[in-house]
N, C-alpha and C. Protein backbone atom coordinates (compact mmCIF):
# COMPACT_ATOMS: atom_id res chain seq x y z
N MET A 1 -8.25 -4.40 13.72
CA MET A 1 -7.35 -3.27 13.89
C MET A 1 -7.89 -2.06 13.11
N LYS A 2 -7.98 -0.94 13.75
CA LYS A 2 -8.48 0.27 13.13
C LYS A 2 -7.38 0.89 12.27
N ILE A 3 -7.72 1.21 11.05
CA ILE A 3 -6.76 1.83 10.14
C ILE A 3 -6.86 3.35 10.31
N ILE A 4 -5.70 3.99 10.47
CA ILE A 4 -5.69 5.45 10.56
C ILE A 4 -4.98 6.01 9.34
N ARG A 5 -5.35 7.19 8.99
CA ARG A 5 -4.72 7.88 7.86
C ARG A 5 -3.34 8.39 8.28
N PHE A 6 -2.51 8.62 7.27
CA PHE A 6 -1.14 9.03 7.53
C PHE A 6 -1.08 10.35 8.30
N GLY A 7 -1.96 11.29 7.96
CA GLY A 7 -1.97 12.57 8.67
C GLY A 7 -2.25 12.39 10.15
N GLN A 8 -3.20 11.53 10.48
CA GLN A 8 -3.52 11.26 11.88
C GLN A 8 -2.36 10.56 12.57
N PHE A 9 -1.69 9.67 11.83
CA PHE A 9 -0.50 9.00 12.35
C PHE A 9 0.57 10.02 12.73
N LEU A 10 0.77 11.01 11.86
CA LEU A 10 1.77 12.04 12.14
C LEU A 10 1.39 12.86 13.37
N VAL A 11 0.11 13.18 13.50
CA VAL A 11 -0.35 13.92 14.68
C VAL A 11 -0.16 13.07 15.93
N ASN A 12 -0.56 11.81 15.86
CA ASN A 12 -0.41 10.91 17.01
C ASN A 12 1.06 10.73 17.40
N SER A 13 1.94 10.82 16.41
CA SER A 13 3.38 10.68 16.66
C SER A 13 3.99 11.96 17.21
N GLY A 14 3.23 13.02 17.24
CA GLY A 14 3.73 14.30 17.76
C GLY A 14 4.62 15.05 16.80
N VAL A 15 4.58 14.67 15.53
CA VAL A 15 5.46 15.29 14.54
C VAL A 15 4.86 16.59 14.00
N VAL A 16 3.55 16.63 13.85
CA VAL A 16 2.85 17.83 13.38
C VAL A 16 1.60 18.04 14.23
N ARG A 17 1.05 19.22 14.12
CA ARG A 17 -0.19 19.54 14.83
C ARG A 17 -1.39 19.24 13.94
N ILE A 18 -2.53 19.04 14.54
CA ILE A 18 -3.75 18.79 13.78
C ILE A 18 -4.05 19.96 12.84
N GLU A 19 -3.70 21.17 13.27
CA GLU A 19 -3.91 22.36 12.43
C GLU A 19 -3.06 22.30 11.17
N ASP A 20 -1.86 21.71 11.28
CA ASP A 20 -0.99 21.56 10.11
C ASP A 20 -1.62 20.61 9.10
N ILE A 21 -2.22 19.54 9.61
CA ILE A 21 -2.89 18.58 8.72
C ILE A 21 -4.07 19.25 8.04
N TYR A 22 -4.84 20.01 8.79
CA TYR A 22 -5.99 20.72 8.23
C TYR A 22 -5.53 21.65 7.10
N ASP A 23 -4.48 22.41 7.34
CA ASP A 23 -3.95 23.31 6.31
C ASP A 23 -3.45 22.53 5.10
N ALA A 24 -2.76 21.42 5.36
CA ALA A 24 -2.24 20.59 4.26
C ALA A 24 -3.37 19.98 3.44
N LEU A 25 -4.44 19.56 4.11
CA LEU A 25 -5.58 18.99 3.38
C LEU A 25 -6.25 20.04 2.51
N ASN A 26 -6.32 21.26 2.99
CA ASN A 26 -6.87 22.34 2.17
C ASN A 26 -6.01 22.59 0.93
N ILE A 27 -4.71 22.57 1.11
CA ILE A 27 -3.80 22.73 -0.03
C ILE A 27 -3.97 21.56 -0.99
N GLN A 28 -4.07 20.35 -0.44
CA GLN A 28 -4.25 19.16 -1.27
C GLN A 28 -5.52 19.28 -2.12
N MET A 29 -6.60 19.73 -1.52
CA MET A 29 -7.85 19.90 -2.27
C MET A 29 -7.68 20.91 -3.40
N LYS A 30 -7.00 22.00 -3.11
CA LYS A 30 -6.81 23.05 -4.12
C LYS A 30 -5.93 22.57 -5.27
N LYS A 31 -4.98 21.69 -4.98
CA LYS A 31 -4.05 21.22 -6.00
C LYS A 31 -4.55 20.00 -6.78
N THR A 32 -5.64 19.39 -6.33
CA THR A 32 -6.19 18.22 -7.00
C THR A 32 -7.09 18.68 -8.14
N LYS A 33 -6.82 18.18 -9.33
CA LYS A 33 -7.60 18.59 -10.50
C LYS A 33 -9.04 18.13 -10.39
N PRO A 34 -9.99 19.01 -10.71
CA PRO A 34 -11.39 18.59 -10.75
C PRO A 34 -11.63 17.58 -11.88
N LEU A 35 -12.60 16.72 -11.68
CA LEU A 35 -12.91 15.69 -12.67
C LEU A 35 -13.24 16.28 -14.04
N GLY A 36 -13.98 17.37 -14.04
CA GLY A 36 -14.34 18.01 -15.31
C GLY A 36 -13.13 18.48 -16.09
N LYS A 37 -12.16 19.02 -15.38
CA LYS A 37 -10.93 19.49 -16.04
C LYS A 37 -10.15 18.32 -16.64
N ILE A 38 -10.09 17.23 -15.92
CA ILE A 38 -9.39 16.05 -16.43
C ILE A 38 -10.13 15.50 -17.66
N ALA A 39 -11.46 15.46 -17.59
CA ALA A 39 -12.26 14.99 -18.72
C ALA A 39 -12.05 15.87 -19.94
N LEU A 40 -11.91 17.17 -19.74
CA LEU A 40 -11.62 18.09 -20.86
C LEU A 40 -10.24 17.81 -21.45
N GLU A 41 -9.25 17.67 -20.59
CA GLU A 41 -7.88 17.41 -21.05
C GLU A 41 -7.78 16.10 -21.83
N ARG A 42 -8.59 15.12 -21.44
CA ARG A 42 -8.57 13.80 -22.09
C ARG A 42 -9.54 13.73 -23.27
N ASN A 43 -10.17 14.87 -23.61
CA ASN A 43 -11.16 14.94 -24.69
C ASN A 43 -12.31 13.96 -24.49
N MET A 44 -12.67 13.74 -23.24
CA MET A 44 -13.80 12.87 -22.92
C MET A 44 -15.10 13.67 -22.82
N LEU A 45 -14.97 14.97 -22.57
CA LEU A 45 -16.11 15.87 -22.52
C LEU A 45 -15.74 17.18 -23.20
N THR A 46 -16.75 17.88 -23.71
CA THR A 46 -16.55 19.22 -24.26
C THR A 46 -16.79 20.23 -23.15
N VAL A 47 -16.42 21.46 -23.41
CA VAL A 47 -16.66 22.53 -22.44
C VAL A 47 -18.16 22.65 -22.17
N ALA A 48 -18.96 22.59 -23.22
CA ALA A 48 -20.41 22.70 -23.07
C ALA A 48 -20.95 21.56 -22.20
N GLN A 49 -20.42 20.36 -22.38
CA GLN A 49 -20.88 19.23 -21.57
C GLN A 49 -20.48 19.40 -20.11
N VAL A 50 -19.29 19.89 -19.86
CA VAL A 50 -18.86 20.13 -18.47
C VAL A 50 -19.81 21.12 -17.81
N PHE A 51 -20.16 22.20 -18.52
CA PHE A 51 -21.09 23.17 -17.95
C PHE A 51 -22.48 22.58 -17.76
N ASP A 52 -22.92 21.72 -18.68
CA ASP A 52 -24.20 21.02 -18.50
C ASP A 52 -24.19 20.21 -17.21
N VAL A 53 -23.11 19.47 -17.00
CA VAL A 53 -22.99 18.63 -15.80
C VAL A 53 -23.00 19.52 -14.55
N LEU A 54 -22.21 20.57 -14.56
CA LEU A 54 -22.15 21.46 -13.39
C LEU A 54 -23.51 22.09 -13.10
N ASN A 55 -24.21 22.51 -14.14
CA ASN A 55 -25.54 23.09 -13.94
C ASN A 55 -26.54 22.06 -13.43
N ALA A 56 -26.46 20.84 -13.94
CA ALA A 56 -27.37 19.78 -13.48
C ALA A 56 -27.08 19.38 -12.04
N GLN A 57 -25.85 19.54 -11.63
CA GLN A 57 -25.42 19.19 -10.27
C GLN A 57 -25.97 20.14 -9.21
N ILE A 58 -26.30 21.35 -9.60
CA ILE A 58 -26.67 22.39 -8.64
C ILE A 58 -27.79 21.95 -7.71
N ASP A 59 -28.79 21.32 -8.25
CA ASP A 59 -29.96 20.96 -7.45
C ASP A 59 -29.93 19.54 -6.90
N THR A 60 -28.76 18.91 -6.96
CA THR A 60 -28.66 17.53 -6.47
C THR A 60 -27.50 17.40 -5.50
N ASN A 61 -27.41 16.24 -4.88
CA ASN A 61 -26.27 15.91 -4.03
C ASN A 61 -25.32 14.97 -4.76
N LYS A 62 -25.49 14.85 -6.06
CA LYS A 62 -24.70 13.90 -6.84
C LYS A 62 -23.33 14.47 -7.18
N MET A 63 -22.38 13.56 -7.32
CA MET A 63 -21.02 13.94 -7.70
C MET A 63 -20.97 14.21 -9.21
N PHE A 64 -19.90 14.86 -9.65
CA PHE A 64 -19.75 15.23 -11.05
C PHE A 64 -19.87 14.01 -11.96
N GLY A 65 -19.13 12.95 -11.65
CA GLY A 65 -19.14 11.76 -12.49
C GLY A 65 -20.50 11.11 -12.58
N GLU A 66 -21.17 11.02 -11.46
CA GLU A 66 -22.51 10.42 -11.44
C GLU A 66 -23.48 11.23 -12.31
N THR A 67 -23.38 12.55 -12.21
CA THR A 67 -24.24 13.42 -13.01
C THR A 67 -23.91 13.29 -14.49
N ALA A 68 -22.63 13.20 -14.83
CA ALA A 68 -22.22 13.03 -16.24
C ALA A 68 -22.76 11.72 -16.80
N VAL A 69 -22.78 10.67 -16.00
CA VAL A 69 -23.36 9.38 -16.43
C VAL A 69 -24.86 9.52 -16.62
N ASP A 70 -25.53 10.16 -15.66
CA ASP A 70 -26.98 10.37 -15.76
C ASP A 70 -27.35 11.12 -17.03
N LEU A 71 -26.51 12.07 -17.43
CA LEU A 71 -26.78 12.86 -18.64
C LEU A 71 -26.38 12.12 -19.91
N GLY A 72 -25.71 10.98 -19.76
CA GLY A 72 -25.31 10.19 -20.93
C GLY A 72 -24.01 10.65 -21.56
N TYR A 73 -23.27 11.50 -20.88
CA TYR A 73 -22.00 12.00 -21.42
C TYR A 73 -20.85 11.04 -21.18
N LEU A 74 -20.91 10.30 -20.09
CA LEU A 74 -19.85 9.35 -19.74
C LEU A 74 -20.47 8.02 -19.34
N LYS A 75 -19.68 6.97 -19.47
CA LYS A 75 -20.06 5.65 -18.96
C LYS A 75 -19.43 5.49 -17.58
N PRO A 76 -19.97 4.60 -16.75
CA PRO A 76 -19.38 4.40 -15.42
C PRO A 76 -17.89 4.06 -15.48
N GLU A 77 -17.48 3.29 -16.47
CA GLU A 77 -16.05 2.94 -16.57
C GLU A 77 -15.20 4.16 -16.93
N ASP A 78 -15.79 5.13 -17.66
CA ASP A 78 -15.08 6.39 -17.94
C ASP A 78 -14.84 7.15 -16.65
N VAL A 79 -15.86 7.18 -15.80
CA VAL A 79 -15.74 7.89 -14.51
C VAL A 79 -14.68 7.22 -13.65
N ASP A 80 -14.66 5.88 -13.65
CA ASP A 80 -13.63 5.17 -12.88
C ASP A 80 -12.23 5.56 -13.36
N GLU A 81 -12.06 5.64 -14.67
CA GLU A 81 -10.77 6.03 -15.25
C GLU A 81 -10.41 7.46 -14.84
N LEU A 82 -11.38 8.36 -14.91
CA LEU A 82 -11.13 9.75 -14.52
C LEU A 82 -10.80 9.88 -13.04
N LEU A 83 -11.49 9.11 -12.21
CA LEU A 83 -11.20 9.14 -10.78
C LEU A 83 -9.80 8.64 -10.48
N GLU A 84 -9.35 7.64 -11.22
CA GLU A 84 -7.99 7.13 -11.03
C GLU A 84 -6.97 8.20 -11.44
N MET A 85 -7.24 8.89 -12.54
CA MET A 85 -6.35 9.97 -12.97
C MET A 85 -6.34 11.10 -11.95
N GLN A 86 -7.52 11.40 -11.39
CA GLN A 86 -7.60 12.45 -10.38
C GLN A 86 -6.78 12.07 -9.15
N LYS A 87 -6.89 10.82 -8.76
CA LYS A 87 -6.14 10.33 -7.60
C LYS A 87 -4.63 10.48 -7.85
N MET A 88 -4.21 10.19 -9.08
CA MET A 88 -2.78 10.31 -9.42
C MET A 88 -2.33 11.77 -9.44
N SER A 89 -3.26 12.70 -9.65
CA SER A 89 -2.90 14.12 -9.70
C SER A 89 -2.84 14.74 -8.30
N ARG A 90 -3.35 14.02 -7.31
CA ARG A 90 -3.43 14.54 -5.94
C ARG A 90 -2.06 14.44 -5.26
N PRO A 91 -1.54 15.58 -4.79
CA PRO A 91 -0.24 15.52 -4.09
C PRO A 91 -0.40 14.82 -2.74
N TYR A 92 0.66 14.15 -2.31
CA TYR A 92 0.65 13.45 -1.03
C TYR A 92 0.71 14.45 0.12
N ILE A 93 0.02 14.13 1.19
CA ILE A 93 -0.04 15.00 2.37
C ILE A 93 1.36 15.22 2.95
N GLY A 94 2.19 14.19 2.96
CA GLY A 94 3.55 14.32 3.49
C GLY A 94 4.37 15.30 2.68
N ASP A 95 4.25 15.24 1.36
CA ASP A 95 4.98 16.18 0.50
C ASP A 95 4.53 17.62 0.72
N ILE A 96 3.24 17.78 0.94
CA ILE A 96 2.71 19.12 1.21
C ILE A 96 3.26 19.64 2.53
N LEU A 97 3.30 18.79 3.55
CA LEU A 97 3.84 19.19 4.84
C LEU A 97 5.32 19.59 4.73
N VAL A 98 6.07 18.90 3.87
CA VAL A 98 7.47 19.27 3.64
C VAL A 98 7.53 20.64 2.98
N GLU A 99 6.69 20.85 1.95
CA GLU A 99 6.65 22.16 1.27
C GLU A 99 6.28 23.28 2.24
N MET A 100 5.41 22.96 3.19
CA MET A 100 4.97 23.95 4.18
C MET A 100 6.05 24.21 5.23
N GLY A 101 7.08 23.38 5.27
CA GLY A 101 8.13 23.53 6.28
C GLY A 101 7.76 22.95 7.63
N LYS A 102 6.73 22.12 7.66
CA LYS A 102 6.27 21.49 8.91
C LYS A 102 6.96 20.16 9.17
N LEU A 103 7.65 19.66 8.17
CA LEU A 103 8.27 18.34 8.23
C LEU A 103 9.47 18.36 7.30
N ASP A 104 10.57 17.73 7.68
CA ASP A 104 11.69 17.63 6.75
C ASP A 104 11.62 16.27 6.04
N LYS A 105 12.34 16.15 4.95
CA LYS A 105 12.26 14.94 4.11
C LYS A 105 12.69 13.68 4.86
N GLU A 106 13.69 13.82 5.72
CA GLU A 106 14.19 12.66 6.46
C GLU A 106 13.13 12.14 7.45
N THR A 107 12.49 13.07 8.14
CA THR A 107 11.43 12.68 9.08
C THR A 107 10.27 12.06 8.32
N LEU A 108 9.92 12.64 7.19
CA LEU A 108 8.84 12.09 6.37
C LEU A 108 9.16 10.66 5.98
N ALA A 109 10.36 10.42 5.49
CA ALA A 109 10.75 9.07 5.06
C ALA A 109 10.69 8.09 6.24
N SER A 110 11.18 8.52 7.39
CA SER A 110 11.17 7.67 8.58
C SER A 110 9.75 7.35 9.02
N LYS A 111 8.89 8.36 9.05
CA LYS A 111 7.50 8.15 9.49
C LYS A 111 6.71 7.32 8.48
N LEU A 112 6.98 7.52 7.19
CA LEU A 112 6.32 6.70 6.17
C LEU A 112 6.66 5.23 6.36
N LYS A 113 7.95 4.96 6.65
CA LYS A 113 8.39 3.59 6.86
C LYS A 113 7.66 2.97 8.06
N LYS A 114 7.60 3.72 9.15
CA LYS A 114 6.91 3.22 10.36
C LYS A 114 5.42 3.04 10.10
N TYR A 115 4.83 3.95 9.37
CA TYR A 115 3.40 3.88 9.06
C TYR A 115 3.08 2.62 8.24
N HIS A 116 3.90 2.37 7.23
CA HIS A 116 3.70 1.17 6.39
C HIS A 116 3.94 -0.11 7.17
N GLN A 117 4.91 -0.11 8.07
CA GLN A 117 5.15 -1.30 8.91
C GLN A 117 3.96 -1.55 9.82
N MET A 118 3.36 -0.49 10.30
CA MET A 118 2.22 -0.61 11.18
C MET A 118 1.01 -1.21 10.46
N SER A 119 0.86 -0.89 9.18
CA SER A 119 -0.32 -1.35 8.43
C SER A 119 -0.09 -2.70 7.74
N ASP A 120 1.11 -3.24 7.87
CA ASP A 120 1.38 -4.57 7.28
C ASP A 120 0.82 -5.69 8.14
């Protein structure tokens, strides 16, 4: 069985348009804290180290955490912890759609229930 994301489920259900999902995903990206900022808040990196990582990243295709490990600033388990914190800081797509006025809370709750039943 192919697993679909909740946004695609909402589009397939005719509740929102694909353009609404695109807009919501852009908002979600803007509201999700960058790994470097979380590392600063948790005192896992200094400002100078964050800039070192960002500068080292310029010429590579590596992610922030991978570059920080390569530079010896973080351990892989630190990056895993930061990624989990980042995930927790990311707003849900359904909540964003409600804020945008594209979905009401009752419809969101109903569709979430159907979505979870489908994936069980």
